[in-house]
Amino acid sequence: MTYDAVSAYTVLLGDGVGPTTVSVHGTAVDAWAALGSALGTPPVVGHAGSVAPRRRWLPGVRPSAPVAVMPREGLSQDEVHEAAESWRQLDPDRRFWQVTAHRLQVTVPAINTGPVVSRSA
């Protein structure tokens, strides 16, 4: 058996009353979009009804290098973060949210006898 690593992002959202919502995503953009969607944040609409692109920071990119990304919900990571914090501040003792990046080691069966090259996501 050989090993490889994959990235996963979890989103936790809870209010202390109902069950905590937990979702797993393959990209940071999907995770932040899911949090925005769960909070009910409206997409930012540009000209002709299209979703306006926003500048945002992606994990793993140098802080001095902004990357233009259009999350599926149309909001930047910073805008979703602000919305989540505003929601949490309405009841800070009970409400919580979290977006976490994970690096998961997975076992991959060896199917050939040649050299194995590991690629990271």
PDB file of N, CA and C in Angstrom:
ATOM      1  N   MET A   1       0.840  -1.184   0.000  1.00  0.00           N
ATOM      2  CA  MET A   1       0.000   0.000   0.000  1.00  0.00           C
ATOM      3  C   MET A   1       0.883   1.246   0.000  1.00  0.00           C
ATOM      4  N   THR A   2       0.392   2.269  -0.690  1.00  0.00           N
ATOM      5  CA  THR A   2       1.064   3.561  -0.697  1.00  0.00           C
ATOM      6  C   THR A   2       0.144   4.581  -0.058  1.00  0.00           C
ATOM      7  N   TYR A   3       0.689   5.739   0.229  1.00  0.00           N
ATOM      8  CA  TYR A   3      -0.093   6.786   0.872  1.00  0.00           C
ATOM      9  C   TYR A   3      -0.056   8.054   0.035  1.00  0.00           C
ATOM     10  N   ASP A   4      -1.147   8.786   0.067  1.00  0.00           N
ATOM     11  CA  ASP A   4      -1.235  10.076  -0.593  1.00  0.00           C
ATOM     12  C   ASP A   4      -1.982  11.002   0.365  1.00  0.00           C
ATOM     13  N   ALA A   5      -2.015  12.277   0.076  1.00  0.00           N
ATOM     14  CA  ALA A   5      -2.731  13.220   0.925  1.00  0.00           C
ATOM     15  C   ALA A   5      -3.723  13.999   0.072  1.00  0.00           C
ATOM     16  N   VAL A   6      -4.876  14.276   0.653  1.00  0.00           N
ATOM     17  CA  VAL A   6      -5.891  15.082  -0.012  1.00  0.00           C
ATOM     18  C   VAL A   6      -6.306  16.202   0.937  1.00  0.00           C
ATOM     19  N   SER A   7      -6.793  17.269   0.372  1.00  0.00           N
ATOM     20  CA  SER A   7      -7.285  18.383   1.177  1.00  0.00           C
ATOM     21  C   SER A   7      -8.795  18.273   1.340  1.00  0.00           C
ATOM     22  N   ALA A   8      -9.270  18.652   2.490  1.00  0.00           N
ATOM     23  CA  ALA A   8     -10.706  18.708   2.752  1.00  0.00           C
ATOM     24  C   ALA A   8     -10.953  19.909   3.660  1.00  0.00           C
ATOM     25  N   TYR A   9     -12.127  20.467   3.559  1.00  0.00           N
ATOM     26  CA  TYR A   9     -12.495  21.635   4.360  1.00  0.00           C
ATOM     27  C   TYR A   9     -13.816  21.335   5.048  1.00  0.00           C
ATOM     28  N   THR A  10     -13.872  21.547   6.362  1.00  0.00           N
ATOM     29  CA  THR A  10     -15.116  21.332   7.089  1.00  0.00           C
ATOM     30  C   THR A  10     -15.704  22.675   7.505  1.00  0.00           C
ATOM     31  N   VAL A  11     -17.026  22.722   7.503  1.00  0.00           N
ATOM     32  CA  VAL A  11     -17.764  23.901   7.946  1.00  0.00           C
ATOM     33  C   VAL A  11     -18.666  23.452   9.089  1.00  0.00           C
ATOM     34  N   LEU A  12     -18.532  24.097  10.251  1.00  0.00           N
ATOM     35  CA  LEU A  12     -19.389  23.840  11.398  1.00  0.00           C
ATOM     36  C   LEU A  12     -20.213  25.093  11.649  1.00  0.00           C
ATOM     37  N   LEU A  13     -21.479  24.903  11.957  1.00  0.00           N
ATOM     38  CA  LEU A  13     -22.371  26.025  12.228  1.00  0.00           C
ATOM     39  C   LEU A  13     -23.395  25.558  13.253  1.00  0.00           C
ATOM     40  N   GLY A  14     -23.504  26.282  14.361  1.00  0.00           N
ATOM     41  CA  GLY A  14     -24.453  25.887  15.394  1.00  0.00           C
ATOM     42  C   GLY A  14     -24.947  27.070  16.194  1.00  0.00           C
ATOM     43  N   ASP A  15     -26.121  26.882  16.788  1.00  0.00           N
ATOM     44  CA  ASP A  15     -26.705  27.951  17.593  1.00  0.00           C
ATOM     45  C   ASP A  15     -26.991  27.510  19.026  1.00  0.00           C
ATOM     46  N   GLY A  16     -26.556  26.319  19.405  1.00  0.00           N
ATOM     47  CA  GLY A  16     -26.773  25.841  20.760  1.00  0.00           C
ATOM     48  C   GLY A  16     -28.170  25.337  21.018  1.00  0.00           C
ATOM     49  N   VAL A  17     -29.071  25.437  20.051  1.00  0.00           N
ATOM     50  CA  VAL A  17     -30.445  24.988  20.218  1.00  0.00           C
ATOM     51  C   VAL A  17     -30.669  23.696  19.431  1.00  0.00           C
ATOM     52  N   GLY A  18     -30.475  23.763  18.131  1.00  0.00           N
ATOM     53  CA  GLY A  18     -30.641  22.594  17.271  1.00  0.00           C
ATOM     54  C   GLY A  18     -29.318  21.870  17.092  1.00  0.00           C
ATOM     55  N   PRO A  19     -29.335  20.832  16.270  1.00  0.00           N
ATOM     56  CA  PRO A  19     -28.094  20.105  16.016  1.00  0.00           C
ATOM     57  C   PRO A  19     -27.096  20.968  15.241  1.00  0.00           C
ATOM     58  N   THR A  20     -25.820  20.737  15.485  1.00  0.00           N
ATOM     59  CA  THR A  20     -24.760  21.440  14.762  1.00  0.00           C
ATOM     60  C   THR A  20     -24.709  20.935  13.328  1.00  0.00           C
ATOM     61  N   THR A  21     -24.611  21.847  12.388  1.00  0.00           N
ATOM     62  CA  THR A  21     -24.485  21.491  10.976  1.00  0.00           C
ATOM     63  C   THR A  21     -23.000  21.327  10.658  1.00  0.00           C
ATOM     64  N   VAL A  22     -22.645  20.185  10.077  1.00  0.00           N
ATOM     65  CA  VAL A  22     -21.277  19.915   9.672  1.00  0.00           C
ATOM     66  C   VAL A  22     -21.298  19.497   8.213  1.00  0.00           C
ATOM     67  N   SER A  23     -20.463  20.140   7.385  1.00  0.00           N
ATOM     68  CA  SER A  23     -20.365  19.741   5.989  1.00  0.00           C
ATOM     69  C   SER A  23     -18.892  19.672   5.605  1.00  0.00           C
ATOM     70  N   VAL A  24     -18.585  18.836   4.616  1.00  0.00           N
ATOM     71  CA  VAL A  24     -17.212  18.635   4.151  1.00  0.00           C
ATOM     72  C   VAL A  24     -17.141  19.027   2.683  1.00  0.00           C
ATOM     73  N   HIS A  25     -16.082  19.750   2.313  1.00  0.00           N
ATOM     74  CA  HIS A  25     -15.938  20.281   0.958  1.00  0.00           C
ATOM     75  C   HIS A  25     -14.538  20.027   0.434  1.00  0.00           C
ATOM     76  N   GLY A  26     -14.414  19.947  -0.872  1.00  0.00           N
ATOM     77  CA  GLY A  26     -13.137  19.671  -1.509  1.00  0.00           C
ATOM     78  C   GLY A  26     -12.290  20.897  -1.759  1.00  0.00           C
ATOM     79  N   THR A  27     -12.893  22.098  -1.710  1.00  0.00           N
ATOM     80  CA  THR A  27     -12.131  23.328  -1.923  1.00  0.00           C
ATOM     81  C   THR A  27     -12.545  24.366  -0.886  1.00  0.00           C
ATOM     82  N   ALA A  28     -11.647  25.328  -0.656  1.00  0.00           N
ATOM     83  CA  ALA A  28     -11.941  26.416   0.272  1.00  0.00           C
ATOM     84  C   ALA A  28     -13.083  27.276  -0.255  1.00  0.00           C
ATOM     85  N   VAL A  29     -13.114  27.496  -1.562  1.00  0.00           N
ATOM     86  CA  VAL A  29     -14.182  28.298  -2.164  1.00  0.00           C
ATOM     87  C   VAL A  29     -15.540  27.658  -1.880  1.00  0.00           C
ATOM     88  N   ASP A  30     -15.628  26.340  -2.048  1.00  0.00           N
ATOM     89  CA  ASP A  30     -16.885  25.641  -1.765  1.00  0.00           C
ATOM     90  C   ASP A  30     -17.264  25.745  -0.295  1.00  0.00           C
ATOM     91  N   ALA A  31     -16.273  25.644   0.594  1.00  0.00           N
ATOM     92  CA  ALA A  31     -16.549  25.702   2.035  1.00  0.00           C
ATOM     93  C   ALA A  31     -17.087  27.077   2.431  1.00  0.00           C
ATOM     94  N   TRP A  32     -16.430  28.147   1.969  1.00  0.00           N
ATOM     95  CA  TRP A  32     -16.896  29.489   2.315  1.00  0.00           C
ATOM     96  C   TRP A  32     -18.245  29.780   1.679  1.00  0.00           C
ATOM     97  N   ALA A  33     -18.468  29.290   0.466  1.00  0.00           N
ATOM     98  CA  ALA A  33     -19.771  29.473  -0.183  1.00  0.00           C
ATOM     99  C   ALA A  33     -20.858  28.742   0.602  1.00  0.00           C
ATOM    100  N   ALA A  34     -20.550  27.543   1.122  1.00  0.00           N
ATOM    101  CA  ALA A  34     -21.521  26.776   1.911  1.00  0.00           C
ATOM    102  C   ALA A  34     -21.864  27.506   3.202  1.00  0.00           C
ATOM    103  N   LEU A  35     -20.862  28.106   3.850  1.00  0.00           N
ATOM    104  CA  LEU A  35     -21.131  28.876   5.065  1.00  0.00           C
ATOM    105  C   LEU A  35     -22.014  30.067   4.739  1.00  0.00           C
ATOM    106  N   GLY A  36     -21.687  30.777   3.664  1.00  0.00           N
ATOM    107  CA  GLY A  36     -22.507  31.915   3.255  1.00  0.00           C
ATOM    108  C   GLY A  36     -23.938  31.506   2.956  1.00  0.00           C
ATOM    109  N   SER A  37     -24.093  30.379   2.278  1.00  0.00           N
ATOM    110  CA  SER A  37     -25.422  29.875   1.945  1.00  0.00           C
ATOM    111  C   SER A  37     -26.190  29.484   3.206  1.00  0.00           C
ATOM    112  N   ALA A  38     -25.507  28.826   4.150  1.00  0.00           N
ATOM    113  CA  ALA A  38     -26.165  28.406   5.393  1.00  0.00           C
ATOM    114  C   ALA A  38     -26.621  29.603   6.214  1.00  0.00           C
ATOM    115  N   LEU A  39     -25.880  30.703   6.116  1.00  0.00           N
ATOM    116  CA  LEU A  39     -26.253  31.911   6.844  1.00  0.00           C
ATOM    117  C   LEU A  39     -27.330  32.703   6.119  1.00  0.00           C
ATOM    118  N   GLY A  40     -27.597  32.332   4.861  1.00  0.00           N
ATOM    119  CA  GLY A  40     -28.612  33.024   4.086  1.00  0.00           C
ATOM    120  C   GLY A  40     -28.135  34.350   3.531  1.00  0.00           C
ATOM    121  N   THR A  41     -26.815  34.507   3.346  1.00  0.00           N
ATOM    122  CA  THR A  41     -26.300  35.758   2.792  1.00  0.00           C
ATOM    123  C   THR A  41     -26.625  35.821   1.305  1.00  0.00           C
ATOM    124  N   PRO A  42     -27.151  36.929   0.845  1.00  0.00           N
ATOM    125  CA  PRO A  42     -27.507  37.056  -0.576  1.00  0.00           C
ATOM    126  C   PRO A  42     -26.267  37.220  -1.439  1.00  0.00           C
ATOM    127  N   PRO A  43     -26.273  36.708  -2.667  1.00  0.00           N
ATOM    128  CA  PRO A  43     -25.142  36.928  -3.565  1.00  0.00           C
ATOM    129  C   PRO A  43     -25.057  38.377  -3.997  1.00  0.00           C
ATOM    130  N   VAL A  44     -23.841  38.839  -4.259  1.00  0.00           N
ATOM    131  CA  VAL A  44     -23.623  40.196  -4.746  1.00  0.00           C
ATOM    132  C   VAL A  44     -23.854  40.181  -6.247  1.00  0.00           C
ATOM    133  N   VAL A  45     -24.784  41.009  -6.728  1.00  0.00           N
ATOM    134  CA  VAL A  45     -25.143  41.001  -8.142  1.00  0.00           C
ATOM    135  C   VAL A  45     -24.536  42.205  -8.839  1.00  0.00           C
ATOM    136  N   GLY A  46     -23.928  41.964 -10.004  1.00  0.00           N
ATOM    137  CA  GLY A  46     -23.310  43.028 -10.791  1.00  0.00           C
ATOM    138  C   GLY A  46     -24.217  43.461 -11.918  1.00  0.00           C
ATOM    139  N   HIS A  47     -23.611  43.971 -12.978  1.00  0.00           N
ATOM    140  CA  HIS A  47     -24.372  44.435 -14.141  1.00  0.00           C
ATOM    141  C   HIS A  47     -25.054  43.279 -14.846  1.00  0.00           C
ATOM    142  N   ALA A  48     -26.196  43.517 -15.417  1.00  0.00           N
ATOM    143  CA  ALA A  48     -26.967  42.557 -16.215  1.00  0.00           C
ATOM    144  C   ALA A  48     -27.299  41.289 -15.433  1.00  0.00           C
ATOM    145  N   GLY A  49     -27.404  41.414 -14.100  1.00  0.00           N
ATOM    146  CA  GLY A  49     -27.814  40.277 -13.282  1.00  0.00           C
ATOM    147  C   GLY A  49     -26.736  39.256 -13.016  1.00  0.00           C
ATOM    148  N   SER A  50     -25.508  39.490 -13.463  1.00  0.00           N
ATOM    149  CA  SER A  50     -24.442  38.514 -13.211  1.00  0.00           C
ATOM    150  C   SER A  50     -23.865  38.733 -11.819  1.00  0.00           C
ATOM    151  N   VAL A  51     -23.288  37.698 -11.267  1.00  0.00           N
ATOM    152  CA  VAL A  51     -22.669  37.795  -9.956  1.00  0.00           C
ATOM    153  C   VAL A  51     -21.337  38.512 -10.116  1.00  0.00           C
ATOM    154  N   ALA A  52     -21.134  39.545  -9.312  1.00  0.00           N
ATOM    155  CA  ALA A  52     -19.927  40.355  -9.429  1.00  0.00           C
ATOM    156  C   ALA A  52     -18.723  39.626  -8.844  1.00  0.00           C
ATOM    157  N   PRO A  53     -17.607  39.567  -9.570  1.00  0.00           N
ATOM    158  CA  PRO A  53     -16.416  38.929  -9.004  1.00  0.00           C
ATOM    159  C   PRO A  53     -15.842  39.780  -7.878  1.00  0.00           C
ATOM    160  N   ARG A  54     -15.265  39.119  -6.902  1.00  0.00           N
ATOM    161  CA  ARG A  54     -14.649  39.800  -5.767  1.00  0.00           C
ATOM    162  C   ARG A  54     -13.208  39.345  -5.644  1.00  0.00           C
ATOM    163  N   ARG A  55     -12.395  40.185  -5.018  1.00  0.00           N
ATOM    164  CA  ARG A  55     -11.032  39.771  -4.732  1.00  0.00           C
ATOM    165  C   ARG A  55     -11.039  39.147  -3.352  1.00  0.00           C
ATOM    166  N   ARG A  56     -10.328  38.069  -3.187  1.00  0.00           N
ATOM    167  CA  ARG A  56     -10.286  37.406  -1.894  1.00  0.00           C
ATOM    168  C   ARG A  56      -8.976  36.680  -1.734  1.00  0.00           C
ATOM    169  N   TRP A  57      -8.709  36.198  -0.551  1.00  0.00           N
ATOM    170  CA  TRP A  57      -7.478  35.493  -0.250  1.00  0.00           C
ATOM    171  C   TRP A  57      -7.776  34.005  -0.204  1.00  0.00           C
ATOM    172  N   LEU A  58      -6.892  33.227  -0.777  1.00  0.00           N
ATOM    173  CA  LEU A  58      -7.022  31.781  -0.729  1.00  0.00           C
ATOM    174  C   LEU A  58      -5.972  31.216   0.209  1.00  0.00           C
ATOM    175  N   PRO A  59      -6.286  30.143   0.948  1.00  0.00           N
ATOM    176  CA  PRO A  59      -5.277  29.549   1.813  1.00  0.00           C
ATOM    177  C   PRO A  59      -4.126  29.014   0.975  1.00  0.00           C
ATOM    178  N   GLY A  60      -2.918  29.139   1.496  1.00  0.00           N
ATOM    179  CA  GLY A  60      -1.756  28.627   0.794  1.00  0.00           C
ATOM    180  C   GLY A  60      -1.135  29.630  -0.158  1.00  0.00           C
ATOM    181  N   VAL A  61      -1.792  30.749  -0.368  1.00  0.00           N
ATOM    182  CA  VAL A  61      -1.256  31.792  -1.240  1.00  0.00           C
ATOM    183  C   VAL A  61      -0.604  32.838  -0.349  1.00  0.00           C
ATOM    184  N   ARG A  62       0.533  33.364  -0.774  1.00  0.00           N
ATOM    185  CA  ARG A  62       1.219  34.385   0.025  1.00  0.00           C
ATOM    186  C   ARG A  62       0.263  35.531   0.321  1.00  0.00           C
ATOM    187  N   PRO A  63       0.267  36.064   1.566  1.00  0.00           N
ATOM    188  CA  PRO A  63      -0.636  37.149   1.925  1.00  0.00           C
ATOM    189  C   PRO A  63      -0.515  38.370   1.027  1.00  0.00           C
ATOM    190  N   SER A  64       0.610  38.572   0.373  1.00  0.00           N
ATOM    191  CA  SER A  64       0.779  39.743  -0.480  1.00  0.00           C
ATOM    192  C   SER A  64       0.293  39.501  -1.903  1.00  0.00           C
ATOM    193  N   ALA A  65      -0.303  38.325  -2.162  1.00  0.00           N
ATOM    194  CA  ALA A  65      -0.719  37.993  -3.526  1.00  0.00           C
ATOM    195  C   ALA A  65      -2.224  37.748  -3.592  1.00  0.00           C
ATOM    196  N   PRO A  66      -3.055  38.813  -3.756  1.00  0.00           N
ATOM    197  CA  PRO A  66      -4.497  38.593  -3.861  1.00  0.00           C
ATOM    198  C   PRO A  66      -4.838  37.832  -5.135  1.00  0.00           C
ATOM    199  N   VAL A  67      -5.874  37.030  -5.050  1.00  0.00           N
ATOM    200  CA  VAL A  67      -6.304  36.223  -6.186  1.00  0.00           C
ATOM    201  C   VAL A  67      -7.763  36.554  -6.467  1.00  0.00           C
ATOM    202  N   ALA A  68      -8.095  36.831  -7.722  1.00  0.00           N
ATOM    203  CA  ALA A  68      -9.481  37.115  -8.082  1.00  0.00           C
ATOM    204  C   ALA A  68     -10.229  35.798  -8.206  1.00  0.00           C
ATOM    205  N   VAL A  69     -11.239  35.619  -7.389  1.00  0.00           N
ATOM    206  CA  VAL A  69     -12.024  34.389  -7.368  1.00  0.00           C
ATOM    207  C   VAL A  69     -13.486  34.767  -7.263  1.00  0.00           C
ATOM    208  N   MET A  70     -14.344  34.021  -7.914  1.00  0.00           N
ATOM    209  CA  MET A  70     -15.768  34.250  -7.790  1.00  0.00           C
ATOM    210  C   MET A  70     -16.378  33.023  -7.104  1.00  0.00           C
ATOM    211  N   PRO A  71     -16.545  33.068  -5.771  1.00  0.00           N
ATOM    212  CA  PRO A  71     -17.190  31.956  -5.096  1.00  0.00           C
ATOM    213  C   PRO A  71     -18.586  31.728  -5.657  1.00  0.00           C
ATOM    214  N   ARG A  72     -19.077  30.522  -5.532  1.00  0.00           N
ATOM    215  CA  ARG A  72     -20.382  30.169  -6.091  1.00  0.00           C
ATOM    216  C   ARG A  72     -21.503  31.056  -5.570  1.00  0.00           C
ATOM    217  N   GLU A  73     -21.392  31.522  -4.342  1.00  0.00           N
ATOM    218  CA  GLU A  73     -22.440  32.378  -3.781  1.00  0.00           C
ATOM    219  C   GLU A  73     -22.198  33.848  -4.082  1.00  0.00           C
ATOM    220  N   GLY A  74     -21.077  34.186  -4.749  1.00  0.00           N
ATOM    221  CA  GLY A  74     -20.827  35.555  -5.151  1.00  0.00           C
ATOM    222  C   GLY A  74     -20.237  36.443  -4.074  1.00  0.00           C
ATOM    223  N   LEU A  75     -19.973  35.936  -2.881  1.00  0.00           N
ATOM    224  CA  LEU A  75     -19.398  36.729  -1.814  1.00  0.00           C
ATOM    225  C   LEU A  75     -17.954  36.319  -1.586  1.00  0.00           C
ATOM    226  N   SER A  76     -17.125  37.270  -1.183  1.00  0.00           N
ATOM    227  CA  SER A  76     -15.730  36.952  -0.882  1.00  0.00           C
ATOM    228  C   SER A  76     -15.651  36.281   0.484  1.00  0.00           C
ATOM    229  N   GLN A  77     -14.510  35.670   0.739  1.00  0.00           N
ATOM    230  CA  GLN A  77     -14.286  35.030   2.030  1.00  0.00           C
ATOM    231  C   GLN A  77     -14.422  36.061   3.150  1.00  0.00           C
ATOM    232  N   ASP A  78     -13.898  37.261   2.945  1.00  0.00           N
ATOM    233  CA  ASP A  78     -13.999  38.305   3.968  1.00  0.00           C
ATOM    234  C   ASP A  78     -15.450  38.696   4.230  1.00  0.00           C
ATOM    235  N   GLU A  79     -16.254  38.790   3.179  1.00  0.00           N
ATOM    236  CA  GLU A  79     -17.663  39.147   3.346  1.00  0.00           C
ATOM    237  C   GLU A  79     -18.434  38.052   4.079  1.00  0.00           C
ATOM    238  N   VAL A  80     -18.146  36.798   3.768  1.00  0.00           N
ATOM    239  CA  VAL A  80     -18.800  35.692   4.478  1.00  0.00           C
ATOM    240  C   VAL A  80     -18.349  35.691   5.938  1.00  0.00           C
ATOM    241  N   HIS A  81     -17.057  35.924   6.176  1.00  0.00           N
ATOM    242  CA  HIS A  81     -16.537  35.990   7.540  1.00  0.00           C
ATOM    243  C   HIS A  81     -17.259  37.079   8.333  1.00  0.00           C
ATOM    244  N   GLU A  82     -17.408  38.261   7.744  1.00  0.00           N
ATOM    245  CA  GLU A  82     -18.101  39.364   8.420  1.00  0.00           C
ATOM    246  C   GLU A  82     -19.554  39.004   8.710  1.00  0.00           C
ATOM    247  N   ALA A  83     -20.230  38.374   7.756  1.00  0.00           N
ATOM    248  CA  ALA A  83     -21.629  37.970   7.956  1.00  0.00           C
ATOM    249  C   ALA A  83     -21.726  36.928   9.069  1.00  0.00           C
ATOM    250  N   ALA A  84     -20.800  35.981   9.087  1.00  0.00           N
ATOM    251  CA  ALA A  84     -20.809  34.930  10.119  1.00  0.00           C
ATOM    252  C   ALA A  84     -20.551  35.530  11.500  1.00  0.00           C
ATOM    253  N   GLU A  85     -19.626  36.470  11.582  1.00  0.00           N
ATOM    254  CA  GLU A  85     -19.348  37.110  12.868  1.00  0.00           C
ATOM    255  C   GLU A  85     -20.527  37.957  13.331  1.00  0.00           C
ATOM    256  N   SER A  86     -21.190  38.640  12.419  1.00  0.00           N
ATOM    257  CA  SER A  86     -22.383  39.426  12.777  1.00  0.00           C
ATOM    258  C   SER A  86     -23.472  38.505  13.304  1.00  0.00           C
ATOM    259  N   TRP A  87     -23.661  37.349  12.639  1.00  0.00           N
ATOM    260  CA  TRP A  87     -24.650  36.369  13.080  1.00  0.00           C
ATOM    261  C   TRP A  87     -24.294  35.841  14.462  1.00  0.00           C
ATOM    262  N   ARG A  88     -23.008  35.512  14.682  1.00  0.00           N
ATOM    263  CA  ARG A  88     -22.567  34.961  15.965  1.00  0.00           C
ATOM    264  C   ARG A  88     -22.728  35.981  17.082  1.00  0.00           C
ATOM    265  N   GLN A  89     -22.474  37.263  16.803  1.00  0.00           N
ATOM    266  CA  GLN A  89     -22.549  38.296  17.833  1.00  0.00           C
ATOM    267  C   GLN A  89     -23.966  38.531  18.347  1.00  0.00           C
ATOM    268  N   LEU A  90     -24.995  38.065  17.619  1.00  0.00           N
ATOM    269  CA  LEU A  90     -26.367  38.187  18.108  1.00  0.00           C
ATOM    270  C   LEU A  90     -26.601  37.333  19.345  1.00  0.00           C
ATOM    271  N   ASP A  91     -25.845  36.258  19.503  1.00  0.00           N
ATOM    272  CA  ASP A  91     -25.921  35.388  20.682  1.00  0.00           C
ATOM    273  C   ASP A  91     -24.554  34.703  20.851  1.00  0.00           C
ATOM    274  N   PRO A  92     -23.523  35.470  21.278  1.00  0.00           N
ATOM    275  CA  PRO A  92     -22.161  34.942  21.304  1.00  0.00           C
ATOM    276  C   PRO A  92     -21.934  33.789  22.277  1.00  0.00           C
ATOM    277  N   ASP A  93     -22.809  33.610  23.262  1.00  0.00           N
ATOM    278  CA  ASP A  93     -22.643  32.504  24.201  1.00  0.00           C
ATOM    279  C   ASP A  93     -23.116  31.180  23.626  1.00  0.00           C
ATOM    280  N   ARG A  94     -23.948  31.216  22.587  1.00  0.00           N
ATOM    281  CA  ARG A  94     -24.507  29.973  22.043  1.00  0.00           C
ATOM    282  C   ARG A  94     -24.156  29.728  20.580  1.00  0.00           C
ATOM    283  N   ARG A  95     -24.013  30.781  19.791  1.00  0.00           N
ATOM    284  CA  ARG A  95     -23.769  30.603  18.357  1.00  0.00           C
ATOM    285  C   ARG A  95     -22.279  30.450  18.069  1.00  0.00           C
ATOM    286  N   PHE A  96     -21.976  29.588  17.104  1.00  0.00           N
ATOM    287  CA  PHE A  96     -20.589  29.381  16.704  1.00  0.00           C
ATOM    288  C   PHE A  96     -20.531  28.954  15.250  1.00  0.00           C
ATOM    289  N   TRP A  97     -19.378  29.193  14.642  1.00  0.00           N
ATOM    290  CA  TRP A  97     -19.119  28.760  13.270  1.00  0.00           C
ATOM    291  C   TRP A  97     -17.622  28.533  13.141  1.00  0.00           C
ATOM    292  N   GLN A  98     -17.252  27.705  12.168  1.00  0.00           N
ATOM    293  CA  GLN A  98     -15.836  27.434  11.937  1.00  0.00           C
ATOM    294  C   GLN A  98     -15.641  26.858  10.542  1.00  0.00           C
ATOM    295  N   VAL A  99     -14.631  27.335   9.837  1.00  0.00           N
ATOM    296  CA  VAL A  99     -14.189  26.748   8.579  1.00  0.00           C
ATOM    297  C   VAL A  99     -12.761  26.279   8.823  1.00  0.00           C
ATOM    298  N   THR A 100     -12.509  24.984   8.637  1.00  0.00           N
ATOM    299  CA  THR A 100     -11.203  24.403   8.941  1.00  0.00           C
ATOM    300  C   THR A 100     -10.671  23.625   7.751  1.00  0.00           C
ATOM    301  N   ALA A 101      -9.391  23.809   7.471  1.00  0.00           N
ATOM    302  CA  ALA A 101      -8.718  23.045   6.412  1.00  0.00           C
ATOM    303  C   ALA A 101      -8.084  21.807   7.031  1.00  0.00           C
ATOM    304  N   HIS A 102      -8.163  20.691   6.317  1.00  0.00           N
ATOM    305  CA  HIS A 102      -7.575  19.433   6.782  1.00  0.00           C
ATOM    306  C   HIS A 102      -6.715  18.840   5.683  1.00  0.00           C
ATOM    307  N   ARG A 103      -5.670  18.181   6.066  1.00  0.00           N
ATOM    308  CA  ARG A 103      -4.820  17.425   5.147  1.00  0.00           C
ATOM    309  C   ARG A 103      -4.977  15.968   5.571  1.00  0.00           C
ATOM    310  N   LEU A 104      -5.654  15.165   4.749  1.00  0.00           N
ATOM    311  CA  LEU A 104      -5.968  13.788   5.105  1.00  0.00           C
ATOM    312  C   LEU A 104      -5.054  12.819   4.378  1.00  0.00           C
ATOM    313  N   GLN A 105      -4.465  11.917   5.145  1.00  0.00           N
ATOM    314  CA  GLN A 105      -3.642  10.879   4.536  1.00  0.00           C
ATOM    315  C   GLN A 105      -4.561   9.714   4.166  1.00  0.00           C
ATOM    316  N   VAL A 106      -4.475   9.279   2.924  1.00  0.00           N
ATOM    317  CA  VAL A 106      -5.311   8.179   2.460  1.00  0.00           C
ATOM    318  C   VAL A 106      -4.432   7.046   1.963  1.00  0.00           C
ATOM    319  N   THR A 107      -4.926   5.842   2.117  1.00  0.00           N
ATOM    320  CA  THR A 107      -4.214   4.668   1.637  1.00  0.00           C
ATOM    321  C   THR A 107      -4.668   4.375   0.225  1.00  0.00           C
ATOM    322  N   VAL A 108      -3.705   4.201  -0.658  1.00  0.00           N
ATOM    323  CA  VAL A 108      -3.992   3.918  -2.058  1.00  0.00           C
ATOM    324  C   VAL A 108      -3.360   2.566  -2.386  1.00  0.00           C
ATOM    325  N   PRO A 109      -4.148   1.610  -2.883  1.00  0.00           N
ATOM    326  CA  PRO A 109      -3.545   0.317  -3.209  1.00  0.00           C
ATOM    327  C   PRO A 109      -2.566   0.451  -4.375  1.00  0.00           C
ATOM    328  N   ALA A 110      -1.435  -0.234  -4.271  1.00  0.00           N
ATOM    329  CA  ALA A 110      -0.449  -0.227  -5.348  1.00  0.00           C
ATOM    330  C   ALA A 110      -0.968  -1.103  -6.476  1.00  0.00           C
ATOM    331  N   ILE A 111      -1.107  -0.515  -7.678  1.00  0.00           N
ATOM    332  CA  ILE A 111      -1.654  -1.294  -8.793  1.00  0.00           C
ATOM    333  C   ILE A 111      -0.631  -1.512  -9.900  1.00  0.00           C
ATOM    334  N   ASN A 112       0.567  -0.972  -9.726  1.00  0.00           N
ATOM    335  CA  ASN A 112       1.629  -1.279 -10.661  1.00  0.00           C
ATOM    336  C   ASN A 112       2.935  -1.422  -9.893  1.00  0.00           C
ATOM    337  N   THR A 113       3.941  -1.926 -10.529  1.00  0.00           N
ATOM    338  CA  THR A 113       5.193  -2.186  -9.829  1.00  0.00           C
ATOM    339  C   THR A 113       6.224  -1.108 -10.097  1.00  0.00           C
ATOM    340  N   GLY A 114       5.860  -0.094 -10.898  1.00  0.00           N
ATOM    341  CA  GLY A 114       6.787   0.999 -11.200  1.00  0.00           C
ATOM    342  C   GLY A 114       6.882   1.983 -10.045  1.00  0.00           C
ATOM    343  N   PRO A 115       7.692   3.008 -10.214  1.00  0.00           N
ATOM    344  CA  PRO A 115       7.829   4.015  -9.151  1.00  0.00           C
ATOM    345  C   PRO A 115       6.494   4.729  -8.920  1.00  0.00           C
ATOM    346  N   VAL A 116       6.250   5.093  -7.673  1.00  0.00           N
ATOM    347  CA  VAL A 116       5.021   5.764  -7.289  1.00  0.00           C
ATOM    348  C   VAL A 116       5.337   7.239  -7.073  1.00  0.00           C
ATOM    349  N   VAL A 117       4.563   8.097  -7.708  1.00  0.00           N
ATOM    350  CA  VAL A 117       4.727   9.533  -7.566  1.00  0.00           C
ATOM    351  C   VAL A 117       3.533  10.060  -6.794  1.00  0.00           C
ATOM    352  N   SER A 118       3.802  10.757  -5.711  1.00  0.00           N
ATOM    353  CA  SER A 118       2.730  11.309  -4.888  1.00  0.00           C
ATOM    354  C   SER A 118       2.463  12.736  -5.315  1.00  0.00           C
ATOM    355  N   ARG A 119       1.202  13.054  -5.549  1.00  0.00           N
ATOM    356  CA  ARG A 119       0.792  14.416  -5.891  1.00  0.00           C
ATOM    357  C   ARG A 119      -0.049  14.955  -4.771  1.00  0.00           C
ATOM    358  N   SER A 120       0.177  16.191  -4.395  1.00  0.00           N
ATOM    359  CA  SER A 120      -0.676  16.803  -3.376  1.00  0.00           C
ATOM    360  C   SER A 120      -1.694  17.696  -4.039  1.00  0.00           C
ATOM    361  N   ALA A 121      -2.863  17.744  -3.429  1.00  0.00           N
ATOM    362  CA  ALA A 121      -3.978  18.522  -3.979  1.00  0.00           C
ATOM    363  C   ALA A 121      -3.806  19.983  -3.710  1.00  0.00           C
TER     364      ALA A 121
END
